[in-house]
Amino acid sequence: MSKKNIALITVILAILIDQIIKIYVKTHFIINEEVKVFDWFRIHFVENNGMAMGFEFGGSGGKLFLTLFRLVAVVGIVYWLMSTIKKKMPNVVVVAIALIFAGAVGNIIDSVFYGVIFDAPQHSVATLFSDEPYGKLFYGRVVDMFYFPIWEGTWPSWIPVIGGKPGGFFNYIFNPADSYITIGVALLFIFNKKAFPKEEKKKEELTTD
């Protein structure tokens, strides 16, 4: 299989999985509804207006800037991916960049379109292609659902700032698109010598008088 097809299949499958899971959760879960799969893994439906892991970014103006920035970044990632394919770099590098691209696109779809295709009822599930959408184009909320509360308790008193306070690990709630970006970056780190090969030093040409 060609590297171009590997990248294309990776991107299409990743985005489809991301959107199917998000749409299912949004149309079957109420905000903050939780299903315990295991003690350390739960499906917990939340939405965020800003960056990954639920961070906010400067209100509505910051939200628009972040969405536009993501769109520009995606163009750069496409160029990076095409350049990687053209250079015939290892498949693991192609897949890693394809995952990063798919993750970025997955969250962009939420940010750009979800505000105009979903409503936002307070005590019931959302409706897809609603006649009364909750927002407007470029102002959609990103859907998150994966929650891994591996440990919950009180931080040891010897830890600065948070010592003695209740806490846990891992408290962030994320989505498939976030996972793709994390996995892609991790693969690039693990296979950094293949992803970022050092250029061979050019041999100096011998000159004669």
N, C-alpha and C. Protein backbone atom coordinates (compact mmCIF):
# COMPACT_ATOMS: atom_id res chain seq x y z
N MET A 1 0.84 -1.19 0.00
CA MET A 1 0.00 0.00 0.00
C MET A 1 0.88 1.25 0.00
N SER A 2 0.51 2.23 -0.81
CA SER A 2 1.31 3.44 -0.89
C SER A 2 1.19 4.26 0.39
N LYS A 3 2.18 5.10 0.63
CA LYS A 3 2.17 5.93 1.83
C LYS A 3 1.01 6.93 1.79
N LYS A 4 0.66 7.38 0.60
CA LYS A 4 -0.47 8.31 0.46
C LYS A 4 -1.76 7.64 0.90
N ASN A 5 -1.95 6.39 0.50
CA ASN A 5 -3.16 5.66 0.89
C ASN A 5 -3.18 5.36 2.39
N ILE A 6 -2.00 5.06 2.94
CA ILE A 6 -1.91 4.82 4.38
C ILE A 6 -2.35 6.07 5.15
N ALA A 7 -1.86 7.22 4.71
CA ALA A 7 -2.23 8.49 5.36
C ALA A 7 -3.71 8.76 5.20
N LEU A 8 -4.23 8.54 3.99
CA LEU A 8 -5.65 8.82 3.71
C LEU A 8 -6.57 7.93 4.55
N ILE A 9 -6.26 6.64 4.60
CA ILE A 9 -7.08 5.71 5.38
C ILE A 9 -7.02 6.04 6.87
N THR A 10 -5.82 6.37 7.35
CA THR A 10 -5.65 6.74 8.76
C THR A 10 -6.50 7.95 9.11
N VAL A 11 -6.44 8.98 8.27
CA VAL A 11 -7.18 10.22 8.53
C VAL A 11 -8.69 9.97 8.49
N ILE A 12 -9.17 9.28 7.45
CA ILE A 12 -10.61 9.06 7.30
C ILE A 12 -11.17 8.23 8.46
N LEU A 13 -10.50 7.11 8.78
CA LEU A 13 -10.98 6.26 9.87
C LEU A 13 -10.95 6.99 11.21
N ALA A 14 -9.87 7.73 11.45
CA ALA A 14 -9.73 8.43 12.73
C ALA A 14 -10.82 9.48 12.89
N ILE A 15 -11.07 10.27 11.85
CA ILE A 15 -12.09 11.31 11.95
C ILE A 15 -13.49 10.70 12.08
N LEU A 16 -13.76 9.63 11.35
CA LEU A 16 -15.06 8.96 11.46
C LEU A 16 -15.30 8.44 12.87
N ILE A 17 -14.30 7.77 13.44
CA ILE A 17 -14.44 7.25 14.80
C ILE A 17 -14.67 8.38 15.79
N ASP A 18 -13.89 9.45 15.65
CA ASP A 18 -14.02 10.60 16.53
C ASP A 18 -15.42 11.19 16.48
N GLN A 19 -15.94 11.42 15.28
CA GLN A 19 -17.23 12.06 15.14
C GLN A 19 -18.39 11.14 15.52
N ILE A 20 -18.28 9.86 15.21
CA ILE A 20 -19.33 8.91 15.59
C ILE A 20 -19.46 8.85 17.11
N ILE A 21 -18.33 8.78 17.81
CA ILE A 21 -18.36 8.73 19.27
C ILE A 21 -18.93 10.03 19.85
N LYS A 22 -18.49 11.17 19.33
CA LYS A 22 -18.96 12.46 19.83
C LYS A 22 -20.46 12.63 19.60
N ILE A 23 -20.92 12.32 18.39
CA ILE A 23 -22.34 12.48 18.09
C ILE A 23 -23.19 11.53 18.92
N TYR A 24 -22.70 10.30 19.11
CA TYR A 24 -23.44 9.34 19.94
C TYR A 24 -23.56 9.86 21.37
N VAL A 25 -22.43 10.30 21.94
CA VAL A 25 -22.46 10.80 23.32
C VAL A 25 -23.37 12.01 23.44
N LYS A 26 -23.27 12.93 22.49
CA LYS A 26 -24.05 14.16 22.56
C LYS A 26 -25.55 13.92 22.41
N THR A 27 -25.91 12.88 21.66
CA THR A 27 -27.34 12.60 21.44
C THR A 27 -27.89 11.51 22.37
N HIS A 28 -27.05 11.01 23.28
CA HIS A 28 -27.52 9.98 24.22
C HIS A 28 -27.22 10.31 25.68
N PHE A 29 -26.40 11.34 25.92
CA PHE A 29 -26.02 11.70 27.28
C PHE A 29 -26.45 13.14 27.57
N ILE A 30 -26.85 13.37 28.81
CA ILE A 30 -27.08 14.73 29.30
C ILE A 30 -25.74 15.26 29.81
N ILE A 31 -25.56 16.57 29.71
CA ILE A 31 -24.32 17.18 30.21
C ILE A 31 -24.03 16.71 31.63
N ASN A 32 -22.80 16.29 31.84
CA ASN A 32 -22.29 15.79 33.13
C ASN A 32 -22.82 14.40 33.49
N GLU A 33 -23.54 13.76 32.59
CA GLU A 33 -23.94 12.37 32.83
C GLU A 33 -22.72 11.47 32.73
N GLU A 34 -22.67 10.46 33.58
CA GLU A 34 -21.49 9.61 33.64
C GLU A 34 -21.88 8.13 33.68
N VAL A 35 -21.14 7.32 32.96
CA VAL A 35 -21.28 5.87 32.99
C VAL A 35 -19.95 5.28 33.42
N LYS A 36 -19.97 4.49 34.49
CA LYS A 36 -18.74 3.88 34.98
C LYS A 36 -18.50 2.56 34.25
N VAL A 37 -17.42 2.53 33.47
CA VAL A 37 -17.03 1.31 32.76
C VAL A 37 -16.20 0.45 33.70
N PHE A 38 -15.18 1.06 34.29
CA PHE A 38 -14.38 0.47 35.36
C PHE A 38 -14.17 1.54 36.41
N ASP A 39 -13.62 1.19 37.56
CA ASP A 39 -13.36 2.20 38.58
C ASP A 39 -12.41 3.28 38.05
N TRP A 40 -11.51 2.88 37.16
CA TRP A 40 -10.50 3.79 36.65
C TRP A 40 -10.83 4.35 35.27
N PHE A 41 -12.00 4.01 34.71
CA PHE A 41 -12.39 4.50 33.39
C PHE A 41 -13.89 4.76 33.36
N ARG A 42 -14.25 6.00 32.98
CA ARG A 42 -15.64 6.38 32.92
C ARG A 42 -15.92 7.18 31.65
N ILE A 43 -17.15 7.12 31.17
CA ILE A 43 -17.62 7.99 30.11
C ILE A 43 -18.36 9.13 30.79
N HIS A 44 -17.81 10.31 30.70
CA HIS A 44 -18.37 11.48 31.40
C HIS A 44 -18.50 12.61 30.38
N PHE A 45 -19.73 12.96 30.05
CA PHE A 45 -19.98 13.94 28.98
C PHE A 45 -19.85 15.37 29.47
N VAL A 46 -18.89 16.08 28.90
CA VAL A 46 -18.74 17.51 29.14
C VAL A 46 -18.43 18.19 27.81
N GLU A 47 -18.54 19.51 27.80
CA GLU A 47 -18.17 20.30 26.63
C GLU A 47 -17.26 21.43 27.06
N ASN A 48 -16.43 21.91 26.16
CA ASN A 48 -15.60 23.06 26.48
C ASN A 48 -15.57 24.03 25.32
N ASN A 49 -15.35 25.29 25.66
CA ASN A 49 -15.35 26.37 24.66
C ASN A 49 -13.96 26.72 24.16
N GLY A 50 -12.97 26.11 24.78
CA GLY A 50 -11.62 26.56 24.46
C GLY A 50 -10.69 25.49 24.00
N MET A 51 -9.57 25.40 24.70
CA MET A 51 -8.50 24.51 24.30
C MET A 51 -8.74 23.09 24.82
N ALA A 52 -7.78 22.23 24.52
CA ALA A 52 -7.88 20.83 24.96
C ALA A 52 -7.92 20.75 26.48
N MET A 53 -8.46 19.65 26.99
CA MET A 53 -8.53 19.37 28.43
C MET A 53 -9.43 20.35 29.17
N GLY A 54 -10.30 21.06 28.44
CA GLY A 54 -11.27 21.93 29.10
C GLY A 54 -10.79 23.32 29.42
N PHE A 55 -9.58 23.71 29.04
CA PHE A 55 -9.09 25.05 29.31
C PHE A 55 -9.86 26.07 28.48
N GLU A 56 -10.07 27.25 29.02
CA GLU A 56 -10.75 28.31 28.31
C GLU A 56 -9.71 29.25 27.69
N PHE A 57 -10.18 30.08 26.73
CA PHE A 57 -9.24 30.96 26.04
C PHE A 57 -9.92 32.26 25.64
N GLY A 58 -9.98 33.19 26.57
CA GLY A 58 -10.37 34.55 26.24
C GLY A 58 -11.77 34.81 25.74
N GLY A 59 -12.78 34.12 26.25
CA GLY A 59 -14.15 34.41 25.89
C GLY A 59 -14.46 34.15 24.43
N SER A 60 -15.52 34.85 23.90
CA SER A 60 -15.95 34.60 22.53
C SER A 60 -14.90 35.02 21.51
N GLY A 61 -14.20 36.13 21.79
CA GLY A 61 -13.14 36.57 20.88
C GLY A 61 -12.01 35.57 20.84
N GLY A 62 -11.63 35.08 22.00
CA GLY A 62 -10.57 34.08 22.07
C GLY A 62 -10.99 32.79 21.42
N LYS A 63 -12.27 32.45 21.56
CA LYS A 63 -12.80 31.23 20.93
C LYS A 63 -12.67 31.31 19.42
N LEU A 64 -13.05 32.44 18.84
CA LEU A 64 -12.95 32.61 17.38
C LEU A 64 -11.50 32.57 16.94
N PHE A 65 -10.63 33.25 17.69
CA PHE A 65 -9.21 33.25 17.35
C PHE A 65 -8.65 31.84 17.38
N LEU A 66 -9.01 31.08 18.40
CA LEU A 66 -8.50 29.72 18.54
C LEU A 66 -8.96 28.84 17.38
N THR A 67 -10.22 28.98 16.97
CA THR A 67 -10.74 28.20 15.85
C THR A 67 -10.02 28.55 14.56
N LEU A 68 -9.82 29.84 14.31
CA LEU A 68 -9.12 30.27 13.11
C LEU A 68 -7.66 29.82 13.14
N PHE A 69 -7.06 29.88 14.32
CA PHE A 69 -5.67 29.42 14.47
C PHE A 69 -5.56 27.94 14.14
N ARG A 70 -6.54 27.15 14.59
CA ARG A 70 -6.54 25.73 14.29
C ARG A 70 -6.63 25.48 12.79
N LEU A 71 -7.45 26.28 12.11
CA LEU A 71 -7.59 26.12 10.66
C LEU A 71 -6.27 26.40 9.94
N VAL A 72 -5.58 27.45 10.39
CA VAL A 72 -4.27 27.77 9.81
C VAL A 72 -3.28 26.66 10.12
N ALA A 73 -3.31 26.16 11.35
CA ALA A 73 -2.38 25.10 11.75
C ALA A 73 -2.59 23.84 10.92
N VAL A 74 -3.86 23.54 10.60
CA VAL A 74 -4.17 22.35 9.80
C VAL A 74 -3.52 22.45 8.42
N VAL A 75 -3.51 23.65 7.85
CA VAL A 75 -2.86 23.84 6.54
C VAL A 75 -1.38 23.49 6.64
N GLY A 76 -0.75 23.92 7.74
CA GLY A 76 0.65 23.60 7.96
C GLY A 76 0.88 22.10 8.14
N ILE A 77 -0.05 21.44 8.83
CA ILE A 77 0.08 20.00 9.05
C ILE A 77 -0.07 19.24 7.73
N VAL A 78 -0.99 19.71 6.87
CA VAL A 78 -1.17 19.08 5.55
C VAL A 78 0.12 19.17 4.75
N TYR A 79 0.74 20.34 4.76
CA TYR A 79 2.01 20.52 4.04
C TYR A 79 3.07 19.58 4.60
N TRP A 80 3.12 19.48 5.93
CA TRP A 80 4.09 18.59 6.61
C TRP A 80 3.84 17.14 6.21
N LEU A 81 2.58 16.74 6.19
CA LEU A 81 2.24 15.36 5.83
C LEU A 81 2.60 15.05 4.38
N MET A 82 2.25 15.95 3.48
CA MET A 82 2.56 15.73 2.07
C MET A 82 4.06 15.70 1.82
N SER A 83 4.78 16.55 2.54
CA SER A 83 6.24 16.57 2.42
C SER A 83 6.84 15.26 2.91
N THR A 84 6.28 14.72 4.00
CA THR A 84 6.75 13.44 4.55
C THR A 84 6.52 12.30 3.57
N ILE A 85 5.35 12.31 2.93
CA ILE A 85 5.04 11.28 1.93
C ILE A 85 5.97 11.40 0.73
N LYS A 86 6.20 12.63 0.28
CA LYS A 86 7.06 12.87 -0.87
C LYS A 86 8.49 12.40 -0.62
N LYS A 87 8.94 12.56 0.62
CA LYS A 87 10.30 12.15 0.97
C LYS A 87 10.40 10.65 1.25
N LYS A 88 9.25 9.94 1.15
CA LYS A 88 9.19 8.50 1.37
C LYS A 88 9.74 8.10 2.73
N MET A 89 9.30 8.83 3.74
CA MET A 89 9.73 8.54 5.11
C MET A 89 8.98 7.31 5.62
N PRO A 90 9.45 6.68 6.71
CA PRO A 90 8.84 5.45 7.23
C PRO A 90 7.35 5.59 7.51
N ASN A 91 6.62 4.48 7.36
CA ASN A 91 5.17 4.49 7.55
C ASN A 91 4.75 4.99 8.93
N VAL A 92 5.54 4.66 9.96
CA VAL A 92 5.19 5.07 11.32
C VAL A 92 5.17 6.60 11.43
N VAL A 93 6.03 7.27 10.70
CA VAL A 93 6.07 8.73 10.71
C VAL A 93 4.85 9.28 9.98
N VAL A 94 4.51 8.68 8.85
CA VAL A 94 3.33 9.09 8.08
C VAL A 94 2.07 8.93 8.93
N VAL A 95 1.93 7.79 9.61
CA VAL A 95 0.77 7.54 10.46
C VAL A 95 0.71 8.55 11.61
N ALA A 96 1.86 8.84 12.21
CA ALA A 96 1.91 9.78 13.33
C ALA A 96 1.40 11.16 12.93
N ILE A 97 1.88 11.67 11.79
CA ILE A 97 1.45 12.99 11.33
C ILE A 97 0.00 12.96 10.89
N ALA A 98 -0.42 11.85 10.28
CA ALA A 98 -1.82 11.70 9.87
C ALA A 98 -2.74 11.73 11.09
N LEU A 99 -2.31 11.11 12.19
CA LEU A 99 -3.11 11.13 13.43
C LEU A 99 -3.20 12.54 14.00
N ILE A 100 -2.10 13.28 13.97
CA ILE A 100 -2.11 14.66 14.46
C ILE A 100 -3.07 15.50 13.62
N PHE A 101 -3.03 15.30 12.30
CA PHE A 101 -3.93 16.01 11.40
C PHE A 101 -5.39 15.66 11.69
N ALA A 102 -5.66 14.36 11.84
CA ALA A 102 -7.03 13.90 12.11
C ALA A 102 -7.54 14.46 13.43
N GLY A 103 -6.68 14.49 14.44
CA GLY A 103 -7.07 15.04 15.73
C GLY A 103 -7.43 16.51 15.64
N ALA A 104 -6.61 17.26 14.90
CA ALA A 104 -6.88 18.69 14.74
C ALA A 104 -8.20 18.91 14.00
N VAL A 105 -8.41 18.15 12.93
CA VAL A 105 -9.65 18.29 12.16
C VAL A 105 -10.87 17.88 12.99
N GLY A 106 -10.73 16.81 13.77
CA GLY A 106 -11.84 16.35 14.60
C GLY A 106 -12.36 17.44 15.52
N ASN A 107 -11.45 18.15 16.19
CA ASN A 107 -11.88 19.21 17.10
C ASN A 107 -12.33 20.46 16.35
N ILE A 108 -11.78 20.68 15.15
CA ILE A 108 -12.22 21.81 14.34
C ILE A 108 -13.67 21.62 13.91
N ILE A 109 -14.05 20.40 13.57
CA ILE A 109 -15.44 20.12 13.18
C ILE A 109 -16.38 20.53 14.31
N ASP A 110 -16.03 20.17 15.55
CA ASP A 110 -16.85 20.57 16.71
C ASP A 110 -16.95 22.09 16.78
N SER A 111 -15.80 22.74 16.73
CA SER A 111 -15.74 24.20 16.92
C SER A 111 -16.47 24.96 15.82
N VAL A 112 -16.36 24.49 14.60
CA VAL A 112 -16.94 25.21 13.47
C VAL A 112 -18.42 24.91 13.29
N PHE A 113 -18.82 23.64 13.39
CA PHE A 113 -20.16 23.24 12.98
C PHE A 113 -21.15 22.88 14.10
N TYR A 114 -20.66 22.42 15.25
CA TYR A 114 -21.60 21.92 16.26
C TYR A 114 -22.57 22.97 16.75
N GLY A 115 -22.16 24.23 16.76
CA GLY A 115 -23.04 25.30 17.22
C GLY A 115 -24.25 25.52 16.34
N VAL A 116 -24.17 25.08 15.06
CA VAL A 116 -25.28 25.32 14.14
C VAL A 116 -26.04 24.04 13.77
N ILE A 117 -25.61 22.90 14.31
CA ILE A 117 -26.34 21.66 14.00
C ILE A 117 -26.92 20.98 15.25
N PHE A 118 -26.54 21.45 16.43
CA PHE A 118 -27.08 20.88 17.68
C PHE A 118 -27.79 21.94 18.48
N ASP A 119 -28.81 21.51 19.24
CA ASP A 119 -29.37 22.39 20.26
C ASP A 119 -28.71 22.04 21.58
N ALA A 120 -29.10 22.75 22.63
CA ALA A 120 -28.45 22.53 23.93
C ALA A 120 -29.47 22.50 25.05
N PRO A 121 -30.33 21.50 25.10
CA PRO A 121 -31.31 21.40 26.19
C PRO A 121 -30.61 21.15 27.52
N GLN A 122 -31.17 21.70 28.59
CA GLN A 122 -30.52 21.59 29.90
C GLN A 122 -30.74 20.24 30.57
N HIS A 123 -31.88 19.64 30.34
CA HIS A 123 -32.20 18.41 31.08
C HIS A 123 -32.56 17.25 30.17
N SER A 124 -32.09 17.29 28.92
CA SER A 124 -32.31 16.17 28.00
C SER A 124 -31.17 16.14 27.00
N VAL A 125 -31.16 15.11 26.18
CA VAL A 125 -30.06 14.96 25.22
C VAL A 125 -30.23 15.96 24.07
N ALA A 126 -29.12 16.24 23.38
CA ALA A 126 -29.14 17.19 22.27
C ALA A 126 -29.77 16.56 21.03
N THR A 127 -30.27 17.41 20.16
CA THR A 127 -30.86 16.97 18.90
C THR A 127 -29.95 17.35 17.75
N LEU A 128 -29.63 16.38 16.90
CA LEU A 128 -28.80 16.64 15.73
C LEU A 128 -29.64 17.31 14.65
N PHE A 129 -29.05 18.31 13.97
CA PHE A 129 -29.75 19.09 12.95
C PHE A 129 -31.02 19.73 13.52
N SER A 130 -30.85 20.36 14.66
CA SER A 130 -31.95 21.01 15.35
C SER A 130 -32.39 22.29 14.64
N ASP A 131 -33.69 22.61 14.77
CA ASP A 131 -34.22 23.87 14.22
C ASP A 131 -33.84 25.05 15.11
N GLU A 132 -33.38 24.77 16.32
CA GLU A 132 -32.98 25.83 17.25
C GLU A 132 -31.58 25.55 17.77
N PRO A 133 -30.56 25.73 16.94
CA PRO A 133 -29.18 25.45 17.35
C PRO A 133 -28.73 26.39 18.47
N TYR A 134 -27.74 25.92 19.24
CA TYR A 134 -27.34 26.69 20.42
C TYR A 134 -26.36 27.81 20.12
N GLY A 135 -25.77 27.84 18.92
CA GLY A 135 -24.76 28.85 18.63
C GLY A 135 -24.76 29.25 17.18
N LYS A 136 -23.57 29.61 16.72
CA LYS A 136 -23.41 30.00 15.33
C LYS A 136 -22.10 29.43 14.79
N LEU A 137 -21.89 29.58 13.50
CA LEU A 137 -20.71 29.03 12.85
C LEU A 137 -19.44 29.54 13.53
N PHE A 138 -18.49 28.66 13.76
CA PHE A 138 -17.20 28.94 14.40
C PHE A 138 -17.28 29.08 15.92
N TYR A 139 -18.46 28.90 16.49
CA TYR A 139 -18.61 29.04 17.94
C TYR A 139 -19.17 27.78 18.59
N GLY A 140 -18.91 26.63 18.00
CA GLY A 140 -19.36 25.38 18.59
C GLY A 140 -18.51 24.97 19.78
N ARG A 141 -19.05 24.10 20.60
CA ARG A 141 -18.33 23.60 21.77
C ARG A 141 -17.77 22.21 21.48
N VAL A 142 -16.56 21.97 21.94
CA VAL A 142 -15.90 20.68 21.72
C VAL A 142 -16.43 19.66 22.72
N VAL A 143 -16.75 18.46 22.23
CA VAL A 143 -17.31 17.40 23.07
C VAL A 143 -16.20 16.53 23.64
N ASP A 144 -16.20 16.32 24.95
CA ASP A 144 -15.24 15.46 25.63
C ASP A 144 -16.00 14.39 26.41
N MET A 145 -15.36 13.22 26.58
CA MET A 145 -16.08 12.14 27.29
C MET A 145 -15.18 11.12 27.99
N PHE A 146 -13.93 11.00 27.64
CA PHE A 146 -13.08 9.98 28.24
C PHE A 146 -12.48 10.50 29.55
N TYR A 147 -12.74 9.76 30.63
CA TYR A 147 -12.31 10.18 31.96
C TYR A 147 -11.64 9.00 32.65
N PHE A 148 -10.40 9.20 33.06
CA PHE A 148 -9.63 8.13 33.71
C PHE A 148 -9.19 8.56 35.11
N PRO A 149 -10.09 8.48 36.10
CA PRO A 149 -9.72 8.83 37.47
C PRO A 149 -8.93 7.68 38.12
N ILE A 150 -7.70 7.52 37.67
CA ILE A 150 -6.88 6.39 38.12
C ILE A 150 -6.65 6.43 39.62
N TRP A 151 -6.51 7.65 40.16
CA TRP A 151 -6.33 7.77 41.61
C TRP A 151 -7.06 9.00 42.11
N GLU A 152 -7.77 8.85 43.22
CA GLU A 152 -8.44 9.98 43.87
C GLU A 152 -8.17 9.90 45.37
N GLY A 153 -7.83 11.03 45.95
CA GLY A 153 -7.52 11.04 47.38
C GLY A 153 -6.99 12.39 47.82
N THR A 154 -6.14 12.39 48.82
CA THR A 154 -5.54 13.62 49.35
C THR A 154 -4.05 13.62 49.04
N TRP A 155 -3.57 14.73 48.49
CA TRP A 155 -2.15 14.81 48.16
C TRP A 155 -1.31 14.81 49.43
N PRO A 156 -0.16 14.13 49.42
CA PRO A 156 0.73 14.12 50.58
C PRO A 156 1.10 15.54 51.02
N SER A 157 1.20 15.75 52.32
CA SER A 157 1.43 17.09 52.86
C SER A 157 2.77 17.68 52.44
N TRP A 158 3.73 16.82 52.06
CA TRP A 158 5.06 17.33 51.71
C TRP A 158 5.12 17.94 50.30
N ILE A 159 4.05 17.78 49.50
CA ILE A 159 4.04 18.35 48.15
C ILE A 159 3.71 19.84 48.24
N PRO A 160 4.55 20.71 47.67
CA PRO A 160 4.29 22.16 47.73
C PRO A 160 2.96 22.53 47.10
N VAL A 161 2.31 23.55 47.64
CA VAL A 161 1.08 24.16 47.14
C VAL A 161 -0.15 23.24 47.29
N ILE A 162 -0.10 22.04 46.71
CA ILE A 162 -1.30 21.17 46.73
C ILE A 162 -1.28 20.17 47.86
N GLY A 163 -0.22 20.12 48.66
CA GLY A 163 -0.11 19.17 49.75
C GLY A 163 -1.25 19.28 50.74
N GLY A 164 -1.86 18.15 51.07
CA GLY A 164 -2.96 18.13 52.03
C GLY A 164 -4.32 18.41 51.42
N LYS A 165 -4.35 18.74 50.13
CA LYS A 165 -5.61 19.05 49.47
C LYS A 165 -6.13 17.82 48.71
N PRO A 166 -7.46 17.73 48.55
CA PRO A 166 -8.00 16.60 47.78
C PRO A 166 -7.62 16.75 46.31
N GLY A 167 -7.38 15.64 45.66
CA GLY A 167 -6.99 15.69 44.25
C GLY A 167 -7.09 14.33 43.61
N GLY A 168 -6.47 14.21 42.46
CA GLY A 168 -6.52 12.93 41.77
C GLY A 168 -5.66 12.92 40.52
N PHE A 169 -5.54 11.75 39.94
CA PHE A 169 -4.81 11.55 38.69
C PHE A 169 -5.51 10.42 37.92
N PHE A 170 -5.99 10.63 36.80
CA PHE A 170 -5.85 11.72 35.84
C PHE A 170 -7.20 12.42 35.77
N ASN A 171 -7.28 13.74 36.07
CA ASN A 171 -8.56 14.40 36.23
C ASN A 171 -9.11 15.03 34.95
N TYR A 172 -8.32 15.07 33.91
CA TYR A 172 -8.77 15.70 32.68
C TYR A 172 -9.72 14.79 31.90
N ILE A 173 -10.69 15.39 31.26
CA ILE A 173 -11.63 14.66 30.40
C ILE A 173 -11.31 15.05 28.96
N PHE A 174 -11.18 14.07 28.08
CA PHE A 174 -10.74 14.35 26.72
C PHE A 174 -11.55 13.53 25.72
N ASN A 175 -11.24 13.67 24.44
CA ASN A 175 -11.99 13.00 23.39
C ASN A 175 -11.05 12.24 22.45
N PRO A 176 -11.59 11.48 21.49
CA PRO A 176 -10.71 10.73 20.59
C PRO A 176 -9.71 11.61 19.83
N ALA A 177 -10.17 12.79 19.38
CA ALA A 177 -9.28 13.68 18.64
C ALA A 177 -8.06 14.08 19.48
N ASP A 178 -8.28 14.38 20.76
CA ASP A 178 -7.16 14.69 21.65
C ASP A 178 -6.20 13.51 21.74
N SER A 179 -6.78 12.30 21.78
CA SER A 179 -5.96 11.08 21.87
C SER A 179 -5.09 10.93 20.62
N TYR A 180 -5.67 11.20 19.45
CA TYR A 180 -4.89 11.07 18.21
C TYR A 180 -3.67 11.98 18.23
N ILE A 181 -3.87 13.21 18.67
CA ILE A 181 -2.76 14.17 18.71
C ILE A 181 -1.69 13.69 19.68
N THR A 182 -2.11 13.21 20.85
CA THR A 182 -1.18 12.72 21.85
C THR A 182 -0.40 11.51 21.34
N ILE A 183 -1.11 10.56 20.71
CA ILE A 183 -0.46 9.36 20.17
C ILE A 183 0.50 9.74 19.05
N GLY A 184 0.07 10.65 18.17
CA GLY A 184 0.93 11.08 17.08
C GLY A 184 2.21 11.72 17.56
N VAL A 185 2.10 12.62 18.54
CA VAL A 185 3.28 13.26 19.10
C VAL A 185 4.18 12.24 19.79
N ALA A 186 3.57 11.29 20.52
CA ALA A 186 4.34 10.25 21.20
C ALA A 186 5.11 9.40 20.19
N LEU A 187 4.48 9.05 19.07
CA LEU A 187 5.17 8.26 18.04
C LEU A 187 6.34 9.02 17.45
N LEU A 188 6.14 10.31 17.21
CA LEU A 188 7.24 11.13 16.68
C LEU A 188 8.39 11.21 17.67
N PHE A 189 8.05 11.27 18.96
CA PHE A 189 9.10 11.30 19.99
C PHE A 189 9.84 9.98 20.05
N ILE A 190 9.10 8.88 20.01
CA ILE A 190 9.72 7.55 20.10
C ILE A 190 10.58 7.28 18.87
N PHE A 191 10.06 7.65 17.71
CA PHE A 191 10.79 7.39 16.46
C PHE A 191 11.39 8.69 15.91
N ASN A 192 11.94 9.50 16.81
CA ASN A 192 12.43 10.82 16.40
C ASN A 192 13.58 10.75 15.40
N LYS A 193 14.39 9.69 15.46
CA LYS A 193 15.50 9.57 14.52
C LYS A 193 14.99 9.31 13.10
N LYS A 194 13.85 8.62 13.00
CA LYS A 194 13.25 8.39 11.68
C LYS A 194 12.45 9.61 11.22
N ALA A 195 11.83 10.29 12.18
CA ALA A 195 11.00 11.44 11.84
C ALA A 195 11.83 12.67 11.50
N PHE A 196 12.94 12.82 12.20
CA PHE A 196 13.80 13.99 11.99
C PHE A 196 15.23 13.55 11.74
N PRO A 197 15.49 12.89 10.62
CA PRO A 197 16.85 12.40 10.34
C PRO A 197 17.82 13.56 10.14
N LYS A 198 19.00 13.37 10.68
CA LYS A 198 20.02 14.39 10.51
C LYS A 198 20.59 14.32 9.11
N GLU A 199 20.76 15.47 8.50
CA GLU A 199 21.31 15.49 7.16
C GLU A 199 22.76 15.04 7.19
N GLU A 200 23.08 14.21 6.25
CA GLU A 200 24.46 13.75 6.18
C GLU A 200 25.36 14.91 5.81
N LYS A 201 26.48 14.94 6.47
CA LYS A 201 27.43 16.00 6.20
C LYS A 201 28.00 15.84 4.79
N LYS A 202 27.96 16.93 4.08
CA LYS A 202 28.49 16.87 2.73
C LYS A 202 30.01 16.76 2.77
N LYS A 203 30.49 15.88 1.95
CA LYS A 203 31.94 15.72 1.88
C LYS A 203 32.56 16.88 1.13
N GLU A 204 33.60 17.35 1.69
CA GLU A 204 34.28 18.48 1.03
C GLU A 204 34.99 18.00 -0.22
N GLU A 205 34.80 18.73 -1.26
CA GLU A 205 35.42 18.38 -2.50
C GLU A 205 36.90 18.77 -2.47
N LEU A 206 37.72 17.87 -2.94
CA LEU A 206 39.15 18.17 -3.02
C LEU A 206 39.40 19.10 -4.19
N THR A 207 40.14 20.08 -3.94
CA THR A 207 40.47 21.04 -5.00
C THR A 207 41.97 20.98 -5.29
N THR A 208 42.27 21.22 -6.47
CA THR A 208 43.68 21.27 -6.86
C THR A 208 44.03 22.60 -7.43
N ASP A 209 45.19 22.96 -7.26
CA ASP A 209 45.65 24.25 -7.77
C ASP A 209 45.67 24.21 -9.29
